[in-house]
Amino acid sequence: MKKLLSMLLALAAVLVLAAVPAMAADIALVTDVGTIDDQSFNQACWQGVEAYATANNLSYQYYQPAADSNDERMASIDQAVSDGAQIIVVPGFLFGSAMAEAQELYPETKFVAVDVSAGDLNTEALENLYCVVFGEEQAGYLAGYAAVKDGYTKLGFLGGMAVPAVQRYGFGFVQGANAAAVELGTPIEIKYTYGGQFYGDANITAKMEGWYSTGTEIVFACGGGIYTSAVEAALAHKAYVIGVDVDQYYCKEAKNAMETDGYNPFVTSAMKGLQAATENALDKFFKGEWAELGGKIETKKLETGDYVGLPTGEESWGFKSFTIDEYNKLVEAIRTGEVVVSDALEAPAVDNNVTVTYID
């Protein structure tokens, strides 16, 4: 009898536990085509989620779509909502269509879309959606100016796809390089192209090999994983690259280069404050201040904080003569409006000493 009673009590305990749903994560992140360790958008936004959740004793998890499609992105969003996430973070312009759909489908769930613009969304943002984008043109300007002031005279810009964010990076880069060339009275050359994709391959590597072999000293590689082709070609010629979005001095390709080639090809990176913007939005939500963000598509530039810029850490400051003091002075000049960087999506005018060759 005692044995039977024990078995019945054990069975009852199992049934009770089975009836209790698994604890839902307070915060969810849905990745784009990459993973949370992609050394780019996913990783930076995930670090923001992780840092904020850990500091505030909140639960968090991520979802990775099974394929690069709107249907799969929506499937991951559906699952995160079903699992009970209060707020969902999505990184990158690829989520434009999914956010337009999800904000209407799940009005009780809050969404933070990092780097999703009005053009990506193609509709108005509802009160449960906050989109944050960045002044890429300012980050590109800082990188171009610094490179020329540091002595580089033959530069390149390798963009991914010719989408607005990439174009602003590129045209800002040209503006900054031009401004420094004018100050120095030094002729410079810039080769400029788009790869039509966000990953490196043999064809793009071959194009970069051609650039470096004919004198290009440094290339601003701007567009997801396309930087891998620029790095591969740069290492073959002991040349250099400029990273994008995050501080790529620490990416795996840079670490491998240090081990096999004896130097880090990343001189600097034109960065966005992806982690800071993510943490800021989460903080507003959990402090009950979502009304300040909901329904907005907000652009973060130097005028509103340190949301774009170059890394100033001792290791990743790869300039030989351009100083952090000079950099800080330029940042302040942009912040105050003394230096104005155009965000127009058209090739900027340049000085007679500056030659820009746009290559298909």
Protein backbone atom coordinates (compact mmCIF):
# COMPACT_ATOMS: atom_id res chain seq x y z
CA MET A 1 0.00 0.00 0.00
CA LYS A 2 2.79 2.44 0.92
CA LYS A 3 4.58 1.63 -2.32
CA LEU A 4 1.40 2.29 -4.34
CA LEU A 5 0.82 5.56 -2.53
CA SER A 6 4.38 6.69 -3.24
CA MET A 7 3.94 5.88 -6.93
CA LEU A 8 0.67 7.82 -7.07
CA LEU A 9 2.25 10.85 -5.37
CA ALA A 10 5.19 10.76 -7.78
CA LEU A 11 2.82 10.57 -10.75
CA ALA A 12 0.80 13.49 -9.40
CA ALA A 13 3.98 15.55 -9.03
CA VAL A 14 4.96 14.83 -12.64
CA LEU A 15 1.52 15.86 -13.87
CA VAL A 16 1.64 19.11 -11.91
CA LEU A 17 5.08 19.96 -13.29
CA ALA A 18 3.95 19.13 -16.82
CA ALA A 19 1.03 21.54 -16.45
CA VAL A 20 3.34 24.44 -15.54
CA PRO A 21 4.56 26.23 -18.71
CA ALA A 22 8.27 26.86 -19.19
CA MET A 23 9.34 30.30 -18.00
CA ALA A 24 9.20 32.72 -20.93
CA ALA A 25 12.06 35.06 -21.69
CA ASP A 26 11.34 38.71 -20.93
CA ILE A 27 13.46 39.83 -23.90
CA ALA A 28 13.88 38.07 -27.23
CA LEU A 29 16.19 38.78 -30.15
CA VAL A 30 15.57 37.44 -33.64
CA THR A 31 18.70 37.32 -35.78
CA ASP A 32 18.85 38.22 -39.45
CA VAL A 33 20.70 35.88 -41.83
CA GLY A 34 23.66 35.50 -39.47
CA THR A 35 24.30 34.24 -35.97
CA ILE A 36 24.72 35.97 -32.63
CA ASP A 37 28.49 35.73 -32.99
CA ASP A 38 28.66 37.25 -36.49
CA GLN A 39 30.96 40.08 -35.33
CA SER A 40 28.42 42.52 -36.73
CA PHE A 41 24.77 43.52 -36.22
CA ASN A 42 23.48 40.37 -34.55
CA GLN A 43 26.35 40.16 -32.11
CA ALA A 44 26.29 43.85 -31.15
CA CYS A 45 22.53 43.87 -30.55
CA TRP A 46 22.71 40.55 -28.69
CA GLN A 47 25.42 41.98 -26.45
CA GLY A 48 23.04 44.85 -25.70
CA VAL A 49 20.25 42.42 -24.81
CA GLU A 50 22.58 40.28 -22.73
CA ALA A 51 24.13 43.22 -20.85
CA TYR A 52 20.81 44.86 -20.03
CA ALA A 53 19.06 41.63 -19.04
CA THR A 54 21.93 40.48 -16.85
CA ALA A 55 22.19 43.84 -15.08
CA ASN A 56 18.45 43.90 -14.41
CA ASN A 57 17.82 40.22 -13.58
CA LEU A 58 15.68 39.63 -16.67
CA SER A 59 15.46 36.49 -18.77
CA TYR A 60 16.44 36.57 -22.44
CA GLN A 61 16.93 34.32 -25.44
CA TYR A 62 17.44 34.50 -29.18
CA TYR A 63 15.78 32.93 -32.21
CA GLN A 64 17.54 32.26 -35.51
CA PRO A 65 15.39 32.03 -38.67
CA ALA A 66 15.85 28.83 -40.62
CA ALA A 67 16.45 30.70 -43.88
CA ASP A 68 16.89 34.18 -45.33
CA SER A 69 13.26 34.92 -46.07
CA ASN A 70 10.49 37.09 -44.70
CA ASP A 71 8.41 33.97 -43.95
CA GLU A 72 11.19 32.50 -41.80
CA ARG A 73 11.79 35.79 -40.01
CA MET A 74 8.08 35.97 -39.24
CA ALA A 75 8.11 32.34 -38.06
CA SER A 76 10.80 33.23 -35.50
CA ILE A 77 8.87 36.32 -34.41
CA ASP A 78 5.71 34.21 -34.08
CA GLN A 79 7.58 31.76 -31.88
CA ALA A 80 9.05 34.51 -29.67
CA VAL A 81 5.57 36.01 -29.16
CA SER A 82 4.10 32.57 -28.49
CA ASP A 83 6.82 31.95 -25.91
CA GLY A 84 5.75 35.10 -24.08
CA ALA A 85 8.47 37.64 -24.86
CA GLN A 86 7.47 41.12 -23.68
CA ILE A 87 9.78 42.92 -26.09
CA ILE A 88 11.55 41.68 -29.23
CA VAL A 89 14.72 43.15 -30.74
CA VAL A 90 15.47 42.68 -34.44
CA PRO A 91 18.70 43.84 -36.12
CA GLY A 92 19.03 45.05 -39.70
CA PHE A 93 17.11 46.42 -42.66
CA LEU A 94 16.06 42.93 -43.78
CA PHE A 95 13.39 43.08 -41.05
CA GLY A 96 11.52 45.96 -42.71
CA SER A 97 8.69 43.87 -44.15
CA ALA A 98 8.50 41.61 -41.11
CA MET A 99 8.16 44.60 -38.77
CA ALA A 100 5.43 46.14 -40.91
CA GLU A 101 3.50 42.88 -40.55
CA ALA A 102 4.38 42.03 -36.94
CA GLN A 103 3.46 45.40 -35.45
CA GLU A 104 -0.12 44.94 -36.64
CA LEU A 105 -0.32 41.22 -35.93
CA TYR A 106 0.92 41.57 -32.32
CA PRO A 107 -0.22 44.94 -30.94
CA GLU A 108 0.49 43.90 -27.33
CA THR A 109 4.14 43.05 -28.02
CA LYS A 110 6.79 45.77 -28.23
CA PHE A 111 9.40 45.69 -31.00
CA VAL A 112 12.80 47.40 -31.29
CA ALA A 113 14.03 47.42 -34.88
CA VAL A 114 17.68 48.42 -35.01
CA ASP A 115 18.74 49.95 -38.34
CA VAL A 116 15.29 49.60 -39.92
CA SER A 117 14.49 52.86 -41.70
CA ALA A 118 11.24 54.37 -42.95
CA GLY A 119 12.13 53.14 -46.43
CA ASP A 120 12.69 49.61 -45.14
CA LEU A 121 9.43 49.64 -43.19
CA ASN A 122 7.50 51.21 -46.07
CA THR A 123 4.67 52.20 -43.74
CA GLU A 124 4.24 54.17 -40.54
CA ALA A 125 5.52 52.81 -37.25
CA LEU A 126 2.72 51.98 -34.83
CA GLU A 127 2.92 52.65 -31.09
CA ASN A 128 4.34 49.19 -30.36
CA LEU A 129 7.31 49.64 -32.71
CA TYR A 130 10.46 51.71 -32.28
CA CYS A 131 12.93 51.95 -35.16
CA VAL A 132 16.40 53.38 -34.63
CA VAL A 133 18.80 54.23 -37.44
CA PHE A 134 22.16 55.97 -37.49
CA GLY A 135 24.06 58.76 -39.21
CA GLU A 136 26.38 56.50 -41.19
CA GLU A 137 27.59 59.47 -43.20
CA GLN A 138 29.21 60.90 -40.06
CA ALA A 139 31.01 57.65 -39.24
CA GLY A 140 32.18 57.35 -42.84
CA TYR A 141 33.38 60.97 -42.80
CA LEU A 142 35.44 60.36 -39.66
CA ALA A 143 37.06 57.28 -41.22
CA GLY A 144 37.87 58.99 -44.52
CA TYR A 145 39.23 62.13 -42.86
CA ALA A 146 41.38 60.16 -40.41
CA ALA A 147 42.82 57.89 -43.11
CA VAL A 148 43.96 60.80 -45.29
CA LYS A 149 45.30 62.78 -42.33
CA ASP A 150 47.28 59.68 -41.39
CA GLY A 151 49.02 59.70 -44.77
CA TYR A 152 46.97 57.37 -46.98
CA THR A 153 46.56 58.84 -50.47
CA LYS A 154 45.22 55.86 -52.45
CA LEU A 155 41.97 54.72 -50.89
CA GLY A 156 39.13 52.39 -51.78
CA PHE A 157 35.50 51.94 -50.82
CA LEU A 158 33.96 48.46 -51.15
CA GLY A 159 30.25 48.56 -50.37
CA GLY A 160 27.91 45.63 -50.10
CA MET A 161 24.57 46.37 -51.74
CA ALA A 162 23.81 49.95 -52.74
CA VAL A 163 21.20 50.43 -50.01
CA PRO A 164 20.88 53.81 -48.26
CA ALA A 165 22.89 52.90 -45.14
CA VAL A 166 25.83 51.65 -47.21
CA GLN A 167 25.62 54.62 -49.56
CA ARG A 168 25.70 57.06 -46.65
CA TYR A 169 28.79 55.34 -45.29
CA GLY A 170 30.48 55.58 -48.68
CA PHE A 171 29.56 59.14 -49.55
CA GLY A 172 30.48 60.24 -46.03
CA PHE A 173 33.85 58.52 -46.49
CA VAL A 174 34.44 60.48 -49.69
CA GLN A 175 33.47 63.75 -48.00
CA GLY A 176 35.84 63.16 -45.09
CA ALA A 177 38.75 62.12 -47.29
CA ASN A 178 38.16 65.16 -49.49
CA ALA A 179 38.12 67.54 -46.49
CA ALA A 180 41.44 66.17 -45.19
CA ALA A 181 43.01 66.33 -48.65
CA VAL A 182 41.99 69.98 -48.97
CA GLU A 183 43.46 70.78 -45.54
CA LEU A 184 46.74 69.08 -46.38
CA GLY A 185 46.90 70.22 -49.99
CA THR A 186 47.57 66.60 -50.94
CA PRO A 187 46.21 64.88 -54.08
CA ILE A 188 44.37 61.64 -53.31
CA GLU A 189 42.64 58.90 -55.29
CA ILE A 190 39.58 56.90 -54.28
CA LYS A 191 38.26 53.81 -56.05
CA TYR A 192 34.58 53.21 -55.26
CA THR A 193 32.43 50.13 -55.94
CA TYR A 194 29.54 47.99 -54.66
CA GLY A 195 29.76 44.22 -54.60
CA GLY A 196 26.01 43.67 -54.91
CA GLN A 197 25.99 41.34 -51.89
CA PHE A 198 26.80 41.18 -48.20
CA TYR A 199 29.39 38.42 -48.27
CA GLY A 200 32.84 37.95 -49.72
CA ASP A 201 33.64 35.58 -52.57
CA ALA A 202 36.39 34.78 -55.05
CA ASN A 203 35.27 37.41 -57.56
CA ILE A 204 35.25 40.24 -55.02
CA THR A 205 38.58 39.08 -53.61
CA ALA A 206 40.02 39.16 -57.12
CA LYS A 207 38.75 42.72 -57.63
CA MET A 208 40.33 43.81 -54.35
CA GLU A 209 43.56 42.03 -55.33
CA GLY A 210 43.54 44.16 -58.48
CA TRP A 211 43.11 47.34 -56.44
CA TYR A 212 45.86 46.58 -53.97
CA SER A 213 48.27 45.38 -56.67
CA THR A 214 47.91 48.72 -58.46
CA GLY A 215 48.63 50.87 -55.43
CA THR A 216 45.50 51.05 -53.25
CA GLU A 217 46.71 51.29 -49.67
CA ILE A 218 43.54 51.00 -47.63
CA VAL A 219 39.93 49.93 -48.36
CA PHE A 220 36.81 50.79 -46.36
CA ALA A 221 34.93 47.47 -46.55
CA CYS A 222 31.31 48.23 -45.80
CA GLY A 223 28.62 45.58 -46.05
CA GLY A 224 28.31 42.64 -43.69
CA GLY A 225 30.67 39.78 -44.49
CA ILE A 226 32.00 41.37 -47.66
CA TYR A 227 34.94 42.58 -45.58
CA THR A 228 36.42 39.06 -45.71
CA SER A 229 37.37 39.58 -49.35
CA ALA A 230 39.02 42.91 -48.60
CA VAL A 231 40.98 41.38 -45.72
CA GLU A 232 42.12 38.41 -47.79
CA ALA A 233 43.37 40.68 -50.56
CA ALA A 234 44.95 43.16 -48.15
CA LEU A 235 46.97 40.44 -46.43
CA ALA A 236 48.34 39.28 -49.77
CA HIS A 237 49.81 42.77 -50.25
CA LYS A 238 50.56 43.75 -46.65
CA ALA A 239 47.92 46.46 -47.03
CA TYR A 240 45.07 47.68 -44.83
CA VAL A 241 41.31 47.86 -44.36
CA ILE A 242 38.78 49.92 -42.45
CA GLY A 243 36.05 47.93 -40.72
CA VAL A 244 32.39 48.82 -40.31
CA ASP A 245 29.50 48.82 -37.81
CA VAL A 246 31.54 47.37 -34.92
CA ASP A 247 35.22 47.43 -33.91
CA GLN A 248 36.52 44.75 -36.28
CA TYR A 249 40.05 44.90 -34.92
CA TYR A 250 39.00 41.94 -32.78
CA CYS A 251 37.24 39.86 -35.45
CA LYS A 252 38.47 36.34 -36.15
CA GLU A 253 40.08 37.30 -39.48
CA ALA A 254 42.11 39.98 -37.70
CA LYS A 255 43.21 37.52 -35.02
CA ASN A 256 44.20 34.97 -37.65
CA ALA A 257 46.19 37.65 -39.49
CA MET A 258 48.09 38.49 -36.33
CA GLU A 259 49.07 34.85 -35.98
CA THR A 260 49.88 34.08 -39.60
CA ASP A 261 50.91 37.43 -41.12
CA GLY A 262 52.27 39.23 -38.08
CA TYR A 263 50.04 42.30 -38.27
CA ASN A 264 46.42 43.38 -37.92
CA PRO A 265 45.09 44.80 -41.21
CA PHE A 266 42.34 46.82 -39.49
CA VAL A 267 43.48 50.42 -39.00
CA THR A 268 40.10 51.50 -37.62
CA SER A 269 36.35 50.86 -37.97
CA ALA A 270 33.44 53.20 -38.72
CA MET A 271 31.03 52.17 -36.00
CA LYS A 272 27.38 52.49 -35.05
CA GLY A 273 26.20 52.42 -31.44
CA LEU A 274 24.17 49.25 -31.96
CA GLN A 275 24.61 47.95 -28.43
CA ALA A 276 24.00 51.34 -26.82
CA ALA A 277 20.83 51.92 -28.84
CA THR A 278 19.54 48.45 -27.92
CA GLU A 279 20.20 48.95 -24.21
CA ASN A 280 18.64 52.43 -24.28
CA ALA A 281 15.41 51.13 -25.84
CA LEU A 282 15.16 48.24 -23.39
CA ASP A 283 15.72 50.60 -20.49
CA LYS A 284 12.90 52.86 -21.63
CA PHE A 285 10.53 49.90 -21.91
CA PHE A 286 11.26 48.36 -18.54
CA LYS A 287 11.14 51.74 -16.80
CA GLY A 288 7.64 52.31 -18.18
CA GLU A 289 8.79 55.03 -20.57
CA TRP A 290 7.94 53.29 -23.84
CA ALA A 291 5.68 56.18 -24.86
CA GLU A 292 8.86 58.18 -25.55
CA LEU A 293 9.85 55.68 -28.24
CA GLY A 294 6.73 53.95 -29.57
CA GLY A 295 5.75 54.92 -33.11
CA LYS A 296 9.07 56.65 -33.81
CA ILE A 297 11.75 56.14 -36.42
CA GLU A 298 14.67 57.89 -34.75
CA THR A 299 18.05 58.76 -36.26
CA LYS A 300 21.01 58.66 -33.88
CA LYS A 301 23.90 60.97 -34.79
CA LEU A 302 26.71 62.73 -32.97
CA GLU A 303 24.32 65.57 -32.17
CA THR A 304 22.36 63.20 -29.90
CA GLY A 305 25.24 61.28 -28.33
CA ASP A 306 28.15 58.99 -29.13
CA TYR A 307 26.13 56.82 -31.50
CA VAL A 308 28.63 56.84 -34.39
CA GLY A 309 32.40 57.09 -34.42
CA LEU A 310 35.78 55.36 -34.50
CA PRO A 311 37.13 53.10 -31.74
CA THR A 312 39.57 54.92 -29.48
CA GLY A 313 40.95 51.97 -27.52
CA GLU A 314 44.72 51.69 -27.40
CA GLU A 315 44.80 48.42 -29.33
CA SER A 316 42.36 49.28 -32.11
CA TRP A 317 43.68 52.81 -32.71
CA GLY A 318 45.80 51.85 -35.71
CA PHE A 319 46.77 55.30 -36.97
CA LYS A 320 50.43 56.26 -37.13
CA SER A 321 50.20 60.06 -36.90
CA PHE A 322 46.52 61.04 -36.64
CA THR A 323 45.89 61.54 -32.91
CA ILE A 324 42.95 60.96 -30.62
CA ASP A 325 43.02 64.68 -29.75
CA GLU A 326 42.60 65.52 -33.44
CA TYR A 327 39.82 62.97 -33.67
CA ASN A 328 37.97 64.37 -30.64
CA LYS A 329 38.26 67.88 -32.07
CA LEU A 330 36.66 66.72 -35.33
CA VAL A 331 33.89 64.88 -33.48
CA GLU A 332 33.06 68.03 -31.56
CA ALA A 333 33.07 70.11 -34.74
CA ILE A 334 30.49 67.77 -36.28
CA ARG A 335 28.48 67.66 -33.06
CA THR A 336 28.22 71.46 -32.91
CA GLY A 337 27.53 71.92 -36.61
CA GLU A 338 30.84 73.58 -37.40
CA VAL A 339 31.45 70.70 -39.82
CA VAL A 340 28.36 69.56 -41.73
CA VAL A 341 28.28 66.12 -43.32
CA SER A 342 25.68 65.63 -46.03
CA ASP A 343 23.46 62.55 -45.84
CA ALA A 344 22.36 62.92 -49.48
CA LEU A 345 22.28 59.68 -51.46
CA GLU A 346 24.31 61.04 -54.32
CA ALA A 347 28.00 61.27 -55.06
CA PRO A 348 29.44 64.34 -53.30
CA ALA A 349 31.41 67.04 -55.08
CA VAL A 350 35.16 66.87 -54.48
CA ASP A 351 38.17 69.16 -54.82
CA ASN A 352 40.27 69.25 -58.00
CA ASN A 353 43.04 67.38 -56.16
CA VAL A 354 40.68 64.49 -55.36
CA THR A 355 39.94 61.83 -57.97
CA VAL A 356 37.05 59.46 -57.31
CA THR A 357 36.58 56.58 -59.73
CA TYR A 358 33.17 54.90 -59.49
CA ILE A 359 33.43 51.32 -60.71
CA ASP A 360 30.48 49.05 -61.62
